[in-house]
Amino acid sequence: MEDKELRSLIADTGRMLLEKGLVARTWGNISVRKDATHFAISPSGLSYTGMTPEDVPIYDSVSKEYEGTRKPSSEKKIHAAAYEIFDDVNFVVHTHQDYATAVGLVGTDILELTEDEKNLLGEIRVAGYGLPGTKTLKKNVADAMSKGSKVVLMLHHGAIILGSDRDDAVHKAEVLEEVCKRAVRKIVPEPKVQGEEISESFKNACKDAVIVTDPDVVELSKGKSFKCELDDIAQMLGTAITVVDNTDSDILNGLNKQDLVLVRNAGAVILTEDPDDAEALSMLIKKSAISKRLTKSLGVNRSLNSFDCTLMRFVYKKKYSKKKG
């Protein structure tokens, strides 16, 4: 394909993955091989909704240079490793899908695949953790791919899926999510609970507040405050997710310290200056609730390191907000 076609394919795929719920906001990334050393890849810090072909850079994995007006994704080295390891891989997607991310925290032993699913996905491995964009993360993912895996779960982070083309990679991502959802829901069935009401006085006082009453979030709100397990929500909240009592004063006090609080037996309340941040947190708390319920049920501690959370939060505030502006 010509460069223009490659760039258009990336932009179109970003919106496709967004519609399928496999990525959110600017998280995740996509690439397509051009030749032995070049590939088009989604740019850093740009939402999929507004991405155009002109925004997509083409990266040279040998010279480390790129063509285009925007910087390539910070995970470009992982994509380069995929193309170097597998001659038959021509498309790579890195997703932040809910159930695959949850399984990455506890390991693939809980998965039960049909023969067709095994033939499609191959051996699914979990890569050790590394902060986003670091050499450690690239090395850990490349090690898993070097063992033959074209589907790799990234601890605390998401998944990376390699395909012969766009359709193959996206199909694998969808099947992976079905397989992981089946396994997770066998251990933690979707709760049939209805959250308590947040008072009308609070709603009137904070008209911009977003209230999340997703069943998994309501179930999670019955417990105690806990440290973040997933790095995307850690970027937005920092070290921990707080649970407060369902009173106006407790909710407001919690929101003075953090953009999101879990409200006991009611779900979550989000209050941000940017509506886009509130929408992102709504998605992330649902994913975090699934993951936390799973790790808690299996007695697995997957809390992120406090220093890493603080660092990710600092970088997010200093870099992402500026790019967004």
Protein backbone atom coordinates (compact mmCIF):
# COMPACT_ATOMS: atom_id res chain seq x y z
CA MET A 1 0.00 0.00 0.00
CA GLU A 2 0.97 3.61 -0.51
CA ASP A 3 1.74 5.74 2.54
CA LYS A 4 -1.61 7.52 2.27
CA GLU A 5 -3.46 4.19 2.37
CA LEU A 6 -1.45 3.00 5.37
CA ARG A 7 -2.22 6.19 7.26
CA SER A 8 -5.92 5.98 6.42
CA LEU A 9 -6.01 2.37 7.60
CA ILE A 10 -4.63 3.36 11.02
CA ALA A 11 -7.11 6.21 11.47
CA ASP A 12 -10.05 4.04 10.41
CA THR A 13 -8.98 1.18 12.66
CA GLY A 14 -8.73 3.50 15.65
CA ARG A 15 -12.39 4.46 15.31
CA MET A 16 -13.32 0.82 14.74
CA LEU A 17 -11.62 -0.31 17.95
CA LEU A 18 -13.22 2.58 19.82
CA GLU A 19 -16.68 1.53 18.65
CA LYS A 20 -15.99 -2.06 19.69
CA GLY A 21 -14.94 -0.95 23.17
CA LEU A 22 -11.40 -2.31 22.80
CA VAL A 23 -9.65 1.03 23.30
CA ALA A 24 -10.56 4.33 24.94
CA ARG A 25 -9.50 7.91 24.56
CA THR A 26 -5.80 7.92 23.54
CA TRP A 27 -4.93 4.63 25.27
CA GLY A 28 -3.70 1.76 23.15
CA ASN A 29 -2.04 2.02 19.74
CA ILE A 30 -2.16 0.55 16.24
CA SER A 31 0.38 -0.09 13.50
CA VAL A 32 0.61 -1.58 10.01
CA ARG A 33 3.78 -2.82 8.31
CA LYS A 34 5.03 -0.96 5.25
CA ASP A 35 8.20 -2.97 4.62
CA ALA A 36 10.98 -4.71 6.56
CA THR A 37 11.92 -1.62 8.59
CA HIS A 38 9.02 0.84 8.28
CA PHE A 39 5.50 0.90 9.67
CA ALA A 40 2.68 3.40 10.09
CA ILE A 41 1.64 3.82 13.72
CA SER A 42 -0.94 5.84 15.63
CA PRO A 43 0.45 9.12 17.01
CA SER A 44 1.15 9.85 20.65
CA GLY A 45 -1.50 11.59 22.75
CA LEU A 46 -4.23 11.97 20.12
CA SER A 47 -7.77 10.66 20.53
CA TYR A 48 -9.08 8.20 17.97
CA THR A 49 -12.21 10.24 17.34
CA GLY A 50 -10.30 13.17 15.88
CA MET A 51 -7.47 11.27 14.19
CA THR A 52 -6.98 11.89 10.47
CA PRO A 53 -4.61 10.15 8.02
CA GLU A 54 -2.40 13.26 8.09
CA ASP A 55 -1.87 12.74 11.83
CA VAL A 56 -0.36 9.27 11.39
CA PRO A 57 3.46 9.07 11.28
CA ILE A 58 5.51 6.42 9.49
CA TYR A 59 8.34 5.13 11.67
CA ASP A 60 11.73 3.77 10.64
CA SER A 61 12.77 1.12 13.17
CA VAL A 62 16.43 1.29 12.06
CA SER A 63 17.10 5.05 12.00
CA LYS A 64 14.50 5.71 14.76
CA GLU A 65 13.20 8.62 12.70
CA TYR A 66 9.68 9.21 11.43
CA GLU A 67 7.79 10.99 8.67
CA GLY A 68 4.83 13.13 9.65
CA THR A 69 3.79 16.06 11.79
CA ARG A 70 3.07 14.08 14.97
CA LYS A 71 5.27 11.88 17.10
CA PRO A 72 4.67 8.11 16.89
CA SER A 73 3.22 6.27 19.89
CA SER A 74 5.55 5.83 22.84
CA GLU A 75 5.07 2.05 22.43
CA LYS A 76 6.61 2.07 18.93
CA LYS A 77 9.48 -0.17 20.07
CA ILE A 78 7.03 -2.93 21.00
CA HIS A 79 5.53 -2.76 17.51
CA ALA A 80 9.01 -2.81 15.99
CA ALA A 81 9.83 -5.94 17.99
CA ALA A 82 6.67 -7.66 16.74
CA TYR A 83 7.60 -7.07 13.10
CA GLU A 84 11.19 -8.12 13.72
CA ILE A 85 10.22 -11.37 15.46
CA PHE A 86 7.41 -12.45 13.09
CA ASP A 87 7.80 -12.21 9.31
CA ASP A 88 4.11 -13.04 8.83
CA VAL A 89 2.82 -10.25 11.09
CA ASN A 90 1.66 -7.15 9.23
CA PHE A 91 -0.71 -5.52 11.71
CA VAL A 92 -0.47 -4.90 15.46
CA VAL A 93 -3.08 -3.59 17.91
CA HIS A 94 -2.47 -2.71 21.54
CA THR A 95 -5.80 -2.61 23.37
CA HIS A 96 -7.05 -1.72 26.83
CA GLN A 97 -9.98 -4.14 26.70
CA ASP A 98 -11.75 -4.82 30.01
CA TYR A 99 -11.70 -8.58 30.48
CA ALA A 100 -8.33 -9.34 28.89
CA THR A 101 -6.80 -6.71 31.16
CA ALA A 102 -8.41 -8.37 34.19
CA VAL A 103 -7.10 -11.81 33.19
CA GLY A 104 -3.62 -10.33 32.81
CA LEU A 105 -3.64 -9.66 36.56
CA VAL A 106 -4.31 -13.26 37.58
CA GLY A 107 -2.81 -15.35 34.77
CA THR A 108 -4.12 -17.40 31.87
CA ASP A 109 -4.70 -20.62 33.86
CA ILE A 110 -8.32 -19.54 34.36
CA LEU A 111 -8.97 -19.56 30.59
CA GLU A 112 -10.83 -22.40 28.89
CA LEU A 113 -10.51 -22.24 25.10
CA THR A 114 -12.21 -24.26 22.40
CA GLU A 115 -10.03 -25.85 19.72
CA ASP A 116 -11.01 -23.11 17.26
CA GLU A 117 -10.05 -20.45 19.79
CA LYS A 118 -6.72 -22.15 20.47
CA ASN A 119 -5.98 -22.36 16.75
CA LEU A 120 -6.79 -18.68 16.28
CA LEU A 121 -5.11 -17.19 19.35
CA GLY A 122 -2.25 -19.60 19.94
CA GLU A 123 -0.58 -19.63 23.35
CA ILE A 124 -1.53 -16.54 25.33
CA ARG A 125 1.25 -15.31 27.62
CA VAL A 126 1.41 -12.60 30.28
CA ALA A 127 4.31 -10.13 30.02
CA GLY A 128 5.86 -8.76 33.19
CA TYR A 129 5.13 -5.17 34.14
CA GLY A 130 6.93 -2.10 32.96
CA LEU A 131 5.88 1.54 33.04
CA PRO A 132 4.26 2.72 29.78
CA GLY A 133 6.76 3.61 27.08
CA THR A 134 9.78 2.16 28.90
CA LYS A 135 12.52 -0.23 27.79
CA THR A 136 11.41 -2.60 30.55
CA LEU A 137 7.92 -2.92 29.11
CA LYS A 138 9.28 -3.41 25.59
CA LYS A 139 11.70 -6.10 26.78
CA ASN A 140 9.05 -7.99 28.75
CA VAL A 141 6.57 -8.00 25.85
CA ALA A 142 9.28 -8.92 23.33
CA ASP A 143 10.35 -11.83 25.55
CA ALA A 144 6.79 -13.19 25.49
CA MET A 145 6.55 -12.78 21.72
CA SER A 146 9.95 -14.45 21.25
CA LYS A 147 8.44 -17.60 22.77
CA GLY A 148 5.93 -17.70 19.92
CA SER A 149 2.97 -15.78 21.35
CA LYS A 150 1.06 -13.45 19.05
CA VAL A 151 -1.39 -12.57 21.82
CA VAL A 152 0.26 -11.12 24.92
CA LEU A 153 -1.42 -9.78 28.04
CA MET A 154 0.49 -6.87 29.56
CA LEU A 155 0.37 -6.93 33.36
CA HIS A 156 -1.55 -3.93 34.78
CA HIS A 157 -1.86 -2.53 31.28
CA GLY A 158 -3.83 -4.27 28.49
CA ALA A 159 -3.10 -6.61 25.60
CA ILE A 160 -1.10 -6.65 22.39
CA ILE A 161 -2.39 -8.69 19.46
CA LEU A 162 -0.50 -9.48 16.26
CA GLY A 163 -2.21 -10.32 12.98
CA SER A 164 -1.47 -11.11 9.38
CA ASP A 165 -3.63 -8.11 8.49
CA ARG A 166 -6.11 -5.69 10.08
CA ASP A 167 -9.06 -8.07 9.99
CA ASP A 168 -7.05 -10.89 11.56
CA ALA A 169 -5.74 -8.70 14.40
CA VAL A 170 -9.13 -7.16 15.20
CA HIS A 171 -10.87 -10.54 15.07
CA LYS A 172 -8.30 -11.98 17.48
CA ALA A 173 -8.87 -9.05 19.85
CA GLU A 174 -12.63 -9.67 19.83
CA VAL A 175 -12.29 -13.42 20.38
CA LEU A 176 -9.75 -12.81 23.14
CA GLU A 177 -12.25 -10.58 24.94
CA GLU A 178 -14.99 -13.22 24.62
CA VAL A 179 -12.67 -15.91 26.01
CA CYS A 180 -11.56 -13.72 28.91
CA LYS A 181 -15.07 -12.54 29.73
CA ARG A 182 -16.27 -16.12 29.88
CA ALA A 183 -13.51 -17.02 32.34
CA VAL A 184 -13.94 -13.93 34.52
CA ARG A 185 -17.71 -14.25 34.78
CA LYS A 186 -17.37 -17.88 35.80
CA ILE A 187 -15.46 -16.66 38.88
CA VAL A 188 -17.24 -13.35 39.51
CA PRO A 189 -20.70 -13.41 37.90
CA GLU A 190 -22.16 -10.05 36.97
CA PRO A 191 -23.91 -8.89 40.15
CA LYS A 192 -27.64 -8.28 40.18
CA VAL A 193 -27.58 -5.31 42.50
CA GLN A 194 -29.10 -1.89 42.47
CA GLY A 195 -27.20 0.91 44.10
CA GLU A 196 -28.58 3.18 46.76
CA GLU A 197 -29.62 6.64 45.60
CA ILE A 198 -27.33 9.63 45.87
CA SER A 199 -29.29 12.43 47.55
CA GLU A 200 -31.12 15.05 45.50
CA SER A 201 -29.42 17.74 47.55
CA PHE A 202 -26.03 16.53 46.32
CA LYS A 203 -27.23 16.29 42.71
CA ASN A 204 -28.60 19.83 42.89
CA ALA A 205 -25.41 21.17 44.44
CA CYS A 206 -23.14 19.36 41.93
CA LYS A 207 -25.07 19.33 38.67
CA ASP A 208 -21.96 18.43 36.67
CA ALA A 209 -21.25 15.31 38.73
CA VAL A 210 -21.42 11.97 36.90
CA ILE A 211 -22.91 9.07 38.86
CA VAL A 212 -21.88 5.54 37.83
CA THR A 213 -24.30 2.78 38.87
CA ASP A 214 -22.77 -0.09 36.90
CA PRO A 215 -23.41 -3.33 38.90
CA ASP A 216 -19.71 -4.21 39.23
CA VAL A 217 -18.97 -0.69 40.49
CA VAL A 218 -21.84 -0.87 43.00
CA GLU A 219 -20.55 -4.23 44.24
CA LEU A 220 -17.04 -2.81 44.56
CA SER A 221 -18.33 0.17 46.53
CA LYS A 222 -19.40 -2.18 49.34
CA GLY A 223 -15.77 -2.77 50.25
CA LYS A 224 -12.86 -0.67 51.44
CA SER A 225 -10.59 1.83 49.73
CA PHE A 226 -7.83 0.13 47.72
CA LYS A 227 -4.72 0.83 45.68
CA CYS A 228 -5.00 1.05 41.91
CA GLU A 229 -4.25 -2.12 39.94
CA LEU A 230 -4.37 -0.70 36.40
CA ASP A 231 -2.05 1.97 35.12
CA ASP A 232 -4.59 3.85 32.99
CA ILE A 233 -6.76 4.75 35.98
CA ALA A 234 -3.63 5.37 38.08
CA GLN A 235 -2.64 8.01 35.53
CA MET A 236 -5.90 9.84 36.22
CA LEU A 237 -6.29 9.26 39.97
CA GLY A 238 -2.90 8.47 41.44
CA THR A 239 -2.26 5.77 44.03
CA ALA A 240 -5.66 4.69 45.36
CA ILE A 241 -9.42 4.64 44.85
CA THR A 242 -11.31 5.91 47.88
CA VAL A 243 -14.60 4.61 49.30
CA VAL A 244 -16.72 7.14 51.25
CA ASP A 245 -20.06 6.96 53.04
CA ASN A 246 -23.20 8.01 51.21
CA THR A 247 -23.56 11.44 52.77
CA ASP A 248 -23.27 14.79 51.00
CA SER A 249 -20.39 15.92 53.21
CA ASP A 250 -18.36 12.72 52.81
CA ILE A 251 -18.82 12.68 49.03
CA LEU A 252 -17.81 16.34 48.72
CA ASN A 253 -14.80 15.89 50.99
CA GLY A 254 -13.70 12.91 48.89
CA LEU A 255 -14.13 14.83 45.63
CA ASN A 256 -12.04 17.69 47.00
CA LYS A 257 -9.11 15.25 47.05
CA GLN A 258 -9.81 13.15 43.97
CA ASP A 259 -11.90 13.40 40.79
CA LEU A 260 -13.63 10.08 41.54
CA VAL A 261 -14.84 8.42 44.71
CA LEU A 262 -16.68 5.18 45.31
CA VAL A 263 -19.79 5.85 47.41
CA ARG A 264 -20.67 3.01 49.74
CA ASN A 265 -23.44 0.81 48.31
CA ALA A 266 -24.22 3.42 45.64
CA GLY A 267 -21.53 3.20 42.94
CA ALA A 268 -19.15 5.98 41.95
CA VAL A 269 -19.34 9.76 41.71
CA ILE A 270 -17.10 11.70 39.34
CA LEU A 271 -16.59 15.45 39.27
CA THR A 272 -14.07 16.96 36.85
CA GLU A 273 -13.51 20.26 35.09
CA ASP A 274 -13.28 18.49 31.74
CA PRO A 275 -16.30 16.40 30.60
CA ASP A 276 -13.89 14.25 28.57
CA ASP A 277 -12.07 13.31 31.79
CA ALA A 278 -15.39 12.33 33.40
CA GLU A 279 -16.27 10.10 30.45
CA ALA A 280 -12.86 8.43 30.59
CA LEU A 281 -13.12 7.82 34.34
CA SER A 282 -16.59 6.32 33.89
CA MET A 283 -15.11 3.69 31.58
CA LEU A 284 -12.03 3.11 33.69
CA ILE A 285 -13.85 2.59 36.99
CA LYS A 286 -16.01 -0.11 35.36
CA LYS A 287 -12.88 -1.88 34.10
CA SER A 288 -11.17 -1.45 37.47
CA ALA A 289 -14.20 -2.89 39.24
CA ILE A 290 -14.10 -6.05 37.12
CA SER A 291 -10.37 -6.46 37.74
CA LYS A 292 -10.54 -5.80 41.47
CA ARG A 293 -13.47 -8.18 42.00
CA LEU A 294 -11.50 -10.88 40.16
CA THR A 295 -8.25 -10.45 42.08
CA LYS A 296 -10.11 -10.22 45.39
CA SER A 297 -12.04 -13.43 44.68
CA LEU A 298 -8.82 -15.29 43.88
CA GLY A 299 -6.89 -13.79 46.79
CA VAL A 300 -4.35 -12.16 44.47
CA ASN A 301 -2.68 -8.85 45.37
CA ARG A 302 -1.93 -6.87 42.22
CA SER A 303 -1.69 -3.36 43.62
CA LEU A 304 0.59 -1.07 41.68
CA ASN A 305 3.68 0.36 43.33
CA SER A 306 2.86 3.74 44.95
CA PHE A 307 5.89 5.40 43.38
CA ASP A 308 4.88 4.19 39.91
CA CYS A 309 1.34 5.52 40.41
CA THR A 310 2.64 8.91 41.54
CA LEU A 311 5.04 9.09 38.60
CA MET A 312 2.35 8.14 36.06
CA ARG A 313 -0.01 10.72 37.54
CA PHE A 314 2.68 13.42 37.32
CA VAL A 315 3.52 12.59 33.70
CA TYR A 316 -0.17 12.46 32.79
CA LYS A 317 -0.88 15.90 34.23
CA LYS A 318 2.24 17.52 32.79
CA LYS A 319 2.19 15.95 29.33
CA TYR A 320 -1.26 14.65 28.40
CA SER A 321 -3.16 17.77 29.42
CA LYS A 322 -0.77 19.94 27.42
CA LYS A 323 -1.14 17.77 24.32
CA LYS A 324 -4.90 17.81 24.72
CA GLY A 325 -4.89 21.59 24.99
